[in-house]
């Protein structure tokens, strides 16, 4: 049996976005807007800040790394209840 706490998606997104804002690499506008769970890993999504041609920008790398940070921080602690 898992020691993970069940949490509703909206509650988890609130926690995730607070962690983002508190992170030293945070930049204005970065926000997790959805989360899903695959094989016990929480996968966060949001705007990736692509340029006009759909190519990654410097901010895209920051977003990717921050969403990966959220997965590492929150996956061991939570599982989605809904």
C-alpha atoms as a PDB file:
ATOM      1  CA  UNK A   1       0.000   0.000   0.000  1.00  0.00           C
ATOM      2  CA  UNK A   2       1.180   3.484  -0.857  1.00  0.00           C
ATOM      3  CA  UNK A   3       1.867   6.186   1.706  1.00  0.00           C
ATOM      4  CA  UNK A   4       0.862   8.855  -0.801  1.00  0.00           C
ATOM      5  CA  UNK A   5      -1.930  11.268   0.071  1.00  0.00           C
ATOM      6  CA  UNK A   6      -4.880  11.468  -2.282  1.00  0.00           C
ATOM      7  CA  UNK A   7      -5.476  14.997  -3.513  1.00  0.00           C
ATOM      8  CA  UNK A   8      -7.901  16.660  -5.910  1.00  0.00           C
ATOM      9  CA  UNK A   9      -6.425  18.094  -9.098  1.00  0.00           C
ATOM     10  CA  UNK A  10      -7.294  21.707  -8.256  1.00  0.00           C
ATOM     11  CA  UNK A  11      -5.759  21.443  -4.798  1.00  0.00           C
ATOM     12  CA  UNK A  12      -2.574  19.935  -6.238  1.00  0.00           C
ATOM     13  CA  UNK A  13      -2.334  22.698  -8.851  1.00  0.00           C
ATOM     14  CA  UNK A  14      -2.591  25.305  -6.084  1.00  0.00           C
ATOM     15  CA  UNK A  15       0.320  23.671  -4.239  1.00  0.00           C
ATOM     16  CA  UNK A  16       2.315  23.279  -7.463  1.00  0.00           C
ATOM     17  CA  UNK A  17       1.879  26.908  -8.480  1.00  0.00           C
ATOM     18  CA  UNK A  18       2.959  28.091  -5.042  1.00  0.00           C
ATOM     19  CA  UNK A  19       6.092  25.939  -5.315  1.00  0.00           C
ATOM     20  CA  UNK A  20       6.743  27.452  -8.740  1.00  0.00           C
ATOM     21  CA  UNK A  21       6.449  31.006  -7.436  1.00  0.00           C
ATOM     22  CA  UNK A  22       8.763  30.223  -4.534  1.00  0.00           C
ATOM     23  CA  UNK A  23      11.436  28.655  -6.770  1.00  0.00           C
ATOM     24  CA  UNK A  24      14.538  30.738  -7.517  1.00  0.00           C
ATOM     25  CA  UNK A  25      14.226  30.078 -11.287  1.00  0.00           C
ATOM     26  CA  UNK A  26      10.595  31.291 -11.437  1.00  0.00           C
ATOM     27  CA  UNK A  27       9.734  33.852 -14.101  1.00  0.00           C
ATOM     28  CA  UNK A  28       6.509  35.843 -14.436  1.00  0.00           C
ATOM     29  CA  UNK A  29       3.743  33.988 -16.220  1.00  0.00           C
ATOM     30  CA  UNK A  30       4.905  30.445 -15.547  1.00  0.00           C
ATOM     31  CA  UNK A  31       1.951  28.465 -14.271  1.00  0.00           C
ATOM     32  CA  UNK A  32       0.897  24.826 -14.157  1.00  0.00           C
ATOM     33  CA  UNK A  33      -2.597  24.611 -15.654  1.00  0.00           C
ATOM     34  CA  UNK A  34      -3.123  20.848 -15.674  1.00  0.00           C
ATOM     35  CA  UNK A  35      -1.734  17.668 -14.186  1.00  0.00           C
ATOM     36  CA  UNK A  36      -2.145  13.990 -14.937  1.00  0.00           C
ATOM     37  CA  UNK A  37      -0.695  10.877 -13.379  1.00  0.00           C
ATOM     38  CA  UNK A  38       1.091   8.149 -15.336  1.00  0.00           C
ATOM     39  CA  UNK A  39       2.813   5.220 -13.646  1.00  0.00           C
ATOM     40  CA  UNK A  40       2.851   7.027 -10.264  1.00  0.00           C
ATOM     41  CA  UNK A  41       4.445  10.159 -11.763  1.00  0.00           C
ATOM     42  CA  UNK A  42       2.610  13.487 -11.795  1.00  0.00           C
ATOM     43  CA  UNK A  43       2.991  15.268 -15.142  1.00  0.00           C
ATOM     44  CA  UNK A  44       2.411  19.009 -15.084  1.00  0.00           C
ATOM     45  CA  UNK A  45       1.497  21.120 -18.103  1.00  0.00           C
ATOM     46  CA  UNK A  46       1.108  24.768 -18.925  1.00  0.00           C
ATOM     47  CA  UNK A  47       2.242  27.376 -21.434  1.00  0.00           C
ATOM     48  CA  UNK A  48       5.690  26.565 -22.819  1.00  0.00           C
ATOM     49  CA  UNK A  49       6.344  30.071 -24.244  1.00  0.00           C
ATOM     50  CA  UNK A  50       7.222  29.138 -27.819  1.00  0.00           C
ATOM     51  CA  UNK A  51       8.189  31.816 -30.345  1.00  0.00           C
ATOM     52  CA  UNK A  52       6.102  32.853 -33.381  1.00  0.00           C
ATOM     53  CA  UNK A  53       7.459  29.912 -35.387  1.00  0.00           C
ATOM     54  CA  UNK A  54       6.601  27.452 -32.621  1.00  0.00           C
ATOM     55  CA  UNK A  55      10.212  27.011 -31.577  1.00  0.00           C
ATOM     56  CA  UNK A  56      11.462  26.882 -27.983  1.00  0.00           C
ATOM     57  CA  UNK A  57      12.666  30.058 -26.314  1.00  0.00           C
ATOM     58  CA  UNK A  58      14.931  30.543 -23.316  1.00  0.00           C
ATOM     59  CA  UNK A  59      11.811  30.597 -21.141  1.00  0.00           C
ATOM     60  CA  UNK A  60      10.725  27.228 -22.581  1.00  0.00           C
ATOM     61  CA  UNK A  61      13.740  25.555 -20.974  1.00  0.00           C
ATOM     62  CA  UNK A  62      12.958  27.187 -17.630  1.00  0.00           C
ATOM     63  CA  UNK A  63       9.333  25.991 -17.789  1.00  0.00           C
ATOM     64  CA  UNK A  64      10.377  22.442 -18.684  1.00  0.00           C
ATOM     65  CA  UNK A  65      12.848  22.316 -15.796  1.00  0.00           C
ATOM     66  CA  UNK A  66      10.333  23.748 -13.332  1.00  0.00           C
ATOM     67  CA  UNK A  67       7.653  21.245 -14.346  1.00  0.00           C
ATOM     68  CA  UNK A  68      10.223  18.460 -13.939  1.00  0.00           C
ATOM     69  CA  UNK A  69      11.017  19.885 -10.486  1.00  0.00           C
ATOM     70  CA  UNK A  70       7.306  19.696  -9.588  1.00  0.00           C
ATOM     71  CA  UNK A  71       7.145  16.059 -10.682  1.00  0.00           C
ATOM     72  CA  UNK A  72      10.147  15.163  -8.521  1.00  0.00           C
ATOM     73  CA  UNK A  73       8.858  17.080  -5.506  1.00  0.00           C
ATOM     74  CA  UNK A  74       5.187  16.124  -5.581  1.00  0.00           C
ATOM     75  CA  UNK A  75       5.006  12.618  -7.113  1.00  0.00           C
ATOM     76  CA  UNK A  76       6.397  10.846  -4.029  1.00  0.00           C
ATOM     77  CA  UNK A  77       3.909  12.641  -1.790  1.00  0.00           C
ATOM     78  CA  UNK A  78       0.608  12.763  -3.731  1.00  0.00           C
ATOM     79  CA  UNK A  79      -1.679  10.726  -5.958  1.00  0.00           C
ATOM     80  CA  UNK A  80      -4.651  12.190  -7.805  1.00  0.00           C
ATOM     81  CA  UNK A  81      -8.036  11.491  -6.228  1.00  0.00           C
ATOM     82  CA  UNK A  82     -10.109  12.512  -9.264  1.00  0.00           C
END
